[in-house]
N, C-alpha and C. Protein backbone atom coordinates (compact mmCIF):
# COMPACT_ATOMS: atom_id res chain seq x y z
N UNK A 1 1.65 36.65 50.26
CA UNK A 1 2.39 35.50 49.82
C UNK A 1 3.86 35.68 50.21
N UNK A 2 4.43 34.68 50.80
CA UNK A 2 5.83 34.73 51.24
C UNK A 2 6.78 34.38 50.09
N UNK A 3 8.02 34.78 50.24
CA UNK A 3 9.04 34.43 49.26
C UNK A 3 9.22 32.92 49.21
N UNK A 4 9.59 32.40 48.05
CA UNK A 4 9.83 30.97 47.89
C UNK A 4 11.26 30.62 48.28
N UNK A 5 11.57 29.32 48.30
CA UNK A 5 12.91 28.87 48.70
C UNK A 5 13.95 29.06 47.61
N UNK A 6 13.54 29.43 46.44
CA UNK A 6 14.49 29.63 45.35
C UNK A 6 13.97 30.71 44.41
N UNK A 7 14.84 31.15 43.52
CA UNK A 7 14.46 32.13 42.51
C UNK A 7 14.81 31.56 41.14
N UNK A 8 13.91 31.72 40.23
CA UNK A 8 14.09 31.15 38.90
C UNK A 8 15.19 31.87 38.10
N UNK A 9 15.17 33.18 38.12
CA UNK A 9 16.09 33.95 37.29
C UNK A 9 17.38 34.31 38.03
N UNK A 10 17.25 34.84 39.24
CA UNK A 10 18.46 35.26 39.97
C UNK A 10 18.17 35.42 41.45
N UNK A 11 19.18 35.03 42.25
CA UNK A 11 19.24 35.35 43.68
C UNK A 11 20.50 36.19 43.83
N UNK A 12 20.34 37.44 44.20
CA UNK A 12 21.49 38.32 44.33
C UNK A 12 21.63 38.79 45.77
N UNK A 13 22.85 39.08 46.16
CA UNK A 13 23.12 39.48 47.54
C UNK A 13 23.31 40.98 47.62
N UNK A 14 22.74 41.55 48.67
CA UNK A 14 22.86 42.97 48.93
C UNK A 14 21.94 43.36 50.07
N UNK A 15 22.25 44.46 50.73
CA UNK A 15 21.42 44.90 51.86
C UNK A 15 20.08 45.44 51.39
N UNK A 16 19.98 45.76 50.11
CA UNK A 16 18.73 46.25 49.51
C UNK A 16 18.81 46.00 48.01
N UNK A 17 17.71 46.23 47.34
CA UNK A 17 17.70 46.09 45.88
C UNK A 17 18.68 47.07 45.25
N UNK A 18 18.73 48.30 45.76
CA UNK A 18 19.63 49.32 45.21
C UNK A 18 21.10 48.92 45.38
N UNK A 19 21.43 48.26 46.49
CA UNK A 19 22.82 47.82 46.69
C UNK A 19 23.13 46.58 45.89
N UNK A 20 22.17 45.71 45.70
CA UNK A 20 22.39 44.50 44.90
C UNK A 20 22.64 44.84 43.44
N UNK A 21 21.99 45.88 42.96
CA UNK A 21 22.16 46.32 41.58
C UNK A 21 22.71 47.75 41.58
N UNK A 22 23.87 47.91 42.19
CA UNK A 22 24.49 49.23 42.30
C UNK A 22 24.80 49.79 40.92
N UNK A 23 24.72 51.09 40.82
CA UNK A 23 25.01 51.76 39.55
C UNK A 23 26.50 51.64 39.24
N UNK A 24 26.81 51.38 37.99
CA UNK A 24 28.19 51.22 37.57
C UNK A 24 28.94 52.54 37.68
N UNK A 25 28.28 53.62 37.31
CA UNK A 25 28.88 54.96 37.40
C UNK A 25 27.92 55.83 38.21
N UNK A 26 28.10 55.92 39.54
CA UNK A 26 27.15 56.66 40.38
C UNK A 26 26.98 58.13 40.00
N UNK A 27 28.00 58.74 39.42
CA UNK A 27 27.88 60.15 39.05
C UNK A 27 27.04 60.35 37.78
N UNK A 28 26.84 59.27 37.02
CA UNK A 28 26.00 59.32 35.82
C UNK A 28 25.23 57.99 35.72
N UNK A 29 24.26 57.77 36.61
CA UNK A 29 23.58 56.48 36.66
C UNK A 29 22.74 56.21 35.42
N UNK A 30 22.76 54.95 34.96
CA UNK A 30 21.96 54.56 33.81
C UNK A 30 20.53 54.22 34.20
N UNK A 31 20.34 53.77 35.44
CA UNK A 31 19.02 53.38 35.93
C UNK A 31 18.32 52.42 34.97
N UNK A 32 19.05 51.38 34.55
CA UNK A 32 18.49 50.39 33.64
C UNK A 32 17.38 49.59 34.31
N UNK A 33 16.37 49.22 33.51
CA UNK A 33 15.34 48.31 34.00
C UNK A 33 16.00 47.01 34.46
N UNK A 34 15.41 46.38 35.46
CA UNK A 34 15.91 45.06 35.87
C UNK A 34 15.56 44.03 34.82
N UNK A 35 14.31 44.04 34.36
CA UNK A 35 13.90 43.14 33.28
C UNK A 35 12.74 43.75 32.52
N UNK A 36 12.54 43.23 31.32
CA UNK A 36 11.44 43.67 30.46
C UNK A 36 10.78 42.44 29.85
N UNK A 37 9.47 42.54 29.63
CA UNK A 37 8.74 41.52 28.88
C UNK A 37 8.23 42.20 27.62
N UNK A 38 8.51 41.55 26.49
CA UNK A 38 8.10 42.11 25.20
C UNK A 38 7.10 41.18 24.52
N UNK A 39 6.35 41.75 23.60
CA UNK A 39 5.53 40.93 22.70
C UNK A 39 6.13 41.11 21.31
N UNK A 40 6.10 40.05 20.49
CA UNK A 40 6.75 40.13 19.18
C UNK A 40 6.05 41.13 18.26
N UNK A 41 6.85 41.67 17.36
CA UNK A 41 6.31 42.54 16.35
C UNK A 41 5.97 41.73 15.10
N UNK A 42 5.82 42.41 14.02
CA UNK A 42 5.51 41.76 12.74
C UNK A 42 6.46 42.34 11.70
N UNK A 43 7.43 41.52 11.28
CA UNK A 43 8.43 42.00 10.33
C UNK A 43 7.82 42.34 8.97
N UNK A 44 6.73 41.69 8.63
CA UNK A 44 6.09 41.95 7.33
C UNK A 44 5.53 43.37 7.29
N UNK A 45 4.88 43.78 8.37
CA UNK A 45 4.28 45.11 8.40
C UNK A 45 5.23 46.17 8.95
N UNK A 46 6.39 45.74 9.46
CA UNK A 46 7.36 46.68 9.98
C UNK A 46 7.14 47.07 11.43
N UNK A 47 6.26 46.35 12.14
CA UNK A 47 6.03 46.65 13.55
C UNK A 47 7.13 45.98 14.39
N UNK A 48 7.87 46.77 15.16
CA UNK A 48 8.93 46.19 16.00
C UNK A 48 8.33 45.52 17.24
N UNK A 49 9.12 44.71 17.95
CA UNK A 49 8.65 44.18 19.23
C UNK A 49 8.31 45.33 20.18
N UNK A 50 7.38 45.10 21.08
CA UNK A 50 6.92 46.13 22.00
C UNK A 50 7.15 45.70 23.44
N UNK A 51 7.74 46.58 24.25
CA UNK A 51 7.89 46.31 25.67
C UNK A 51 6.52 46.56 26.31
N UNK A 52 5.96 45.50 26.92
CA UNK A 52 4.64 45.62 27.53
C UNK A 52 4.70 45.71 29.06
N UNK A 53 5.74 45.13 29.66
CA UNK A 53 5.94 45.18 31.11
C UNK A 53 7.41 45.46 31.37
N UNK A 54 7.69 46.36 32.31
CA UNK A 54 9.07 46.53 32.74
C UNK A 54 9.12 46.60 34.26
N UNK A 55 10.22 46.08 34.80
CA UNK A 55 10.52 46.21 36.22
C UNK A 55 11.68 47.19 36.27
N UNK A 56 11.41 48.39 36.77
CA UNK A 56 12.44 49.43 36.71
C UNK A 56 13.52 49.22 37.77
N UNK A 57 14.51 50.09 37.78
CA UNK A 57 15.67 49.94 38.67
C UNK A 57 15.30 50.02 40.14
N UNK A 58 14.13 50.57 40.47
CA UNK A 58 13.69 50.62 41.87
C UNK A 58 12.94 49.36 42.28
N UNK A 59 12.66 48.48 41.30
CA UNK A 59 11.94 47.25 41.58
C UNK A 59 10.45 47.35 41.33
N UNK A 60 9.97 48.51 40.90
CA UNK A 60 8.55 48.70 40.62
C UNK A 60 8.18 48.01 39.30
N UNK A 61 7.03 47.37 39.29
CA UNK A 61 6.54 46.66 38.10
C UNK A 61 5.54 47.58 37.38
N UNK A 62 5.73 47.75 36.07
CA UNK A 62 4.86 48.63 35.29
C UNK A 62 4.19 47.85 34.16
N UNK A 63 2.87 47.84 34.16
CA UNK A 63 2.06 47.28 33.07
C UNK A 63 0.90 48.23 32.86
N UNK A 64 0.90 48.98 31.76
CA UNK A 64 1.85 48.94 30.64
C UNK A 64 3.20 49.51 31.04
N UNK A 65 4.19 49.18 30.23
CA UNK A 65 5.57 49.62 30.50
C UNK A 65 5.64 51.14 30.55
N UNK A 66 6.49 51.64 31.45
CA UNK A 66 6.72 53.08 31.59
C UNK A 66 8.19 53.36 31.34
N UNK A 67 8.47 54.14 30.34
CA UNK A 67 9.83 54.56 29.98
C UNK A 67 10.82 53.40 29.99
N UNK A 68 10.58 52.34 29.20
CA UNK A 68 11.54 51.23 29.17
C UNK A 68 12.91 51.72 28.70
N UNK A 69 13.95 51.15 29.30
CA UNK A 69 15.31 51.57 28.99
C UNK A 69 15.88 50.76 27.82
N UNK A 70 16.91 51.30 27.22
CA UNK A 70 17.65 50.56 26.20
C UNK A 70 18.64 49.68 26.94
N UNK A 71 18.28 48.43 27.13
CA UNK A 71 19.10 47.50 27.88
C UNK A 71 18.49 47.25 29.25
N UNK A 72 18.86 46.12 29.83
CA UNK A 72 18.36 45.73 31.15
C UNK A 72 19.49 45.13 31.96
N UNK A 73 19.26 44.95 33.25
CA UNK A 73 20.26 44.30 34.10
C UNK A 73 20.15 42.79 34.04
N UNK A 74 18.93 42.25 33.89
CA UNK A 74 18.74 40.79 33.92
C UNK A 74 18.25 40.19 32.61
N UNK A 75 17.68 40.98 31.73
CA UNK A 75 17.27 40.43 30.45
C UNK A 75 15.91 40.90 29.97
N UNK A 76 15.65 40.55 28.72
CA UNK A 76 14.37 40.82 28.07
C UNK A 76 13.76 39.48 27.72
N UNK A 77 12.49 39.30 28.05
CA UNK A 77 11.82 38.02 27.89
C UNK A 77 10.56 38.21 27.06
N UNK A 78 10.22 37.20 26.27
CA UNK A 78 9.12 37.31 25.33
C UNK A 78 7.87 36.61 25.85
N UNK A 79 6.74 37.25 25.60
CA UNK A 79 5.43 36.67 25.91
C UNK A 79 4.60 36.69 24.63
N UNK A 80 3.73 35.73 24.50
CA UNK A 80 2.83 35.69 23.35
C UNK A 80 1.43 36.18 23.71
N UNK A 81 1.28 36.72 24.91
CA UNK A 81 -0.01 37.27 25.33
C UNK A 81 -0.28 38.55 24.54
N UNK A 82 -1.53 38.86 24.26
CA UNK A 82 -1.83 40.11 23.55
C UNK A 82 -1.62 41.33 24.44
N UNK A 83 -1.32 42.44 23.82
CA UNK A 83 -1.19 43.70 24.54
C UNK A 83 -2.45 43.94 25.36
N UNK A 84 -2.29 44.45 26.57
CA UNK A 84 -3.45 44.69 27.43
C UNK A 84 -3.73 43.55 28.39
N UNK A 85 -2.94 42.47 28.34
CA UNK A 85 -3.11 41.36 29.27
C UNK A 85 -2.67 41.79 30.66
N UNK A 86 -3.02 40.99 31.66
CA UNK A 86 -2.63 41.31 33.03
C UNK A 86 -1.15 41.02 33.23
N UNK A 87 -0.59 41.60 34.26
CA UNK A 87 0.81 41.36 34.61
C UNK A 87 1.04 39.87 34.86
N UNK A 88 0.14 39.23 35.59
CA UNK A 88 0.27 37.79 35.87
C UNK A 88 0.27 36.97 34.59
N UNK A 89 -0.57 37.34 33.62
CA UNK A 89 -0.60 36.61 32.34
C UNK A 89 0.71 36.77 31.59
N UNK A 90 1.25 37.98 31.57
CA UNK A 90 2.54 38.19 30.89
C UNK A 90 3.65 37.38 31.57
N UNK A 91 3.74 37.41 32.90
CA UNK A 91 4.80 36.69 33.61
C UNK A 91 4.65 35.18 33.44
N UNK A 92 3.43 34.67 33.54
CA UNK A 92 3.20 33.23 33.39
C UNK A 92 3.59 32.76 32.00
N UNK A 93 3.32 33.57 31.00
CA UNK A 93 3.64 33.20 29.63
C UNK A 93 5.12 33.38 29.31
N UNK A 94 5.78 34.36 29.91
CA UNK A 94 7.19 34.64 29.60
C UNK A 94 8.14 33.68 30.31
N UNK A 95 7.74 33.17 31.47
CA UNK A 95 8.62 32.30 32.26
C UNK A 95 7.97 30.93 32.44
N UNK A 96 8.63 29.89 31.94
CA UNK A 96 8.16 28.53 32.19
C UNK A 96 8.55 28.19 33.62
N UNK A 97 7.57 28.18 34.52
CA UNK A 97 7.85 28.13 35.94
C UNK A 97 6.79 27.28 36.66
N UNK A 98 6.75 25.97 36.39
CA UNK A 98 5.69 25.14 36.99
C UNK A 98 5.74 25.07 38.51
N UNK A 99 6.90 25.30 39.12
CA UNK A 99 6.99 25.25 40.58
C UNK A 99 6.59 26.59 41.22
N UNK A 100 6.27 27.59 40.40
CA UNK A 100 5.86 28.92 40.86
C UNK A 100 6.89 29.55 41.81
N UNK A 101 8.16 29.37 41.47
CA UNK A 101 9.25 30.00 42.22
C UNK A 101 9.24 31.50 41.95
N UNK A 102 9.82 32.26 42.87
CA UNK A 102 10.02 33.69 42.62
C UNK A 102 10.89 33.85 41.38
N UNK A 103 10.76 34.96 40.71
CA UNK A 103 11.58 35.25 39.55
C UNK A 103 12.92 35.82 40.00
N UNK A 104 12.90 36.72 40.97
CA UNK A 104 14.10 37.41 41.46
C UNK A 104 14.02 37.54 42.96
N UNK A 105 15.15 37.35 43.63
CA UNK A 105 15.23 37.58 45.07
C UNK A 105 16.51 38.34 45.40
N UNK A 106 16.42 39.24 46.38
CA UNK A 106 17.59 39.92 46.92
C UNK A 106 17.72 39.48 48.37
N UNK A 107 18.90 38.95 48.72
CA UNK A 107 19.14 38.41 50.04
C UNK A 107 20.18 39.28 50.74
N UNK A 108 19.86 39.72 51.97
CA UNK A 108 20.80 40.56 52.70
C UNK A 108 21.80 39.72 53.49
N UNK A 109 22.72 40.38 54.18
CA UNK A 109 23.81 39.69 54.89
C UNK A 109 23.30 38.68 55.92
N UNK A 110 22.17 38.93 56.53
CA UNK A 110 21.61 38.01 57.51
C UNK A 110 20.90 36.82 56.91
N UNK A 111 20.81 36.78 55.58
CA UNK A 111 20.14 35.67 54.90
C UNK A 111 18.66 35.89 54.69
N UNK A 112 18.16 37.08 55.07
CA UNK A 112 16.75 37.39 54.86
C UNK A 112 16.53 37.96 53.47
N UNK A 113 15.37 37.67 52.93
CA UNK A 113 15.03 38.19 51.60
C UNK A 113 14.41 39.58 51.78
N UNK A 114 15.10 40.59 51.24
CA UNK A 114 14.64 41.97 51.40
C UNK A 114 13.78 42.44 50.23
N UNK A 115 13.86 41.76 49.10
CA UNK A 115 13.04 42.08 47.93
C UNK A 115 12.84 40.80 47.16
N UNK A 116 11.61 40.61 46.65
CA UNK A 116 11.39 39.51 45.72
C UNK A 116 10.30 39.87 44.73
N UNK A 117 10.43 39.28 43.57
CA UNK A 117 9.47 39.44 42.48
C UNK A 117 8.89 38.05 42.26
N UNK A 118 7.61 37.88 42.54
CA UNK A 118 7.05 36.52 42.47
C UNK A 118 6.66 36.14 41.04
N UNK A 119 6.20 34.91 40.89
CA UNK A 119 5.91 34.36 39.57
C UNK A 119 4.76 35.08 38.85
N UNK A 120 3.96 35.85 39.58
CA UNK A 120 2.86 36.61 38.97
C UNK A 120 3.26 38.06 38.66
N UNK A 121 4.52 38.41 38.96
CA UNK A 121 4.98 39.76 38.70
C UNK A 121 4.68 40.75 39.80
N UNK A 122 4.43 40.24 41.00
CA UNK A 122 4.18 41.12 42.15
C UNK A 122 5.50 41.32 42.90
N UNK A 123 5.88 42.58 43.09
CA UNK A 123 7.13 42.91 43.79
C UNK A 123 6.83 43.21 45.25
N UNK A 124 7.71 42.68 46.13
CA UNK A 124 7.57 42.90 47.57
C UNK A 124 8.93 43.29 48.14
N UNK A 125 8.97 44.32 48.97
CA UNK A 125 10.21 44.73 49.62
C UNK A 125 10.90 45.85 48.88
N UNK A 126 12.16 46.05 49.26
CA UNK A 126 12.93 47.14 48.63
C UNK A 126 14.39 46.79 48.57
């Protein structure tokens, strides 16, 4: 599947994903997730919200989430899907996206898309 003509969440410029989201302090990088999808907890029973999917700083998509960070570069989004759902189900539920646009795109100096995260949570490029 090719990249779409627009991105729902962000279109950022850089020669690569790593350059588009450069570390603020290279000598002590935070390596924050780009985004996270959470499912709500239950305040009555004391269960906190749970990160079920994360897109880490390298652009890799993890379901179930792997070592989610405290904070993200683009945000945390909520899904009402039950734990154990597919990545596509979590992304479809977390983002109202009837046009099925990419969620994130990185565009290099030549105008080519070097990385994109599609509406189903599939990452392509670097």
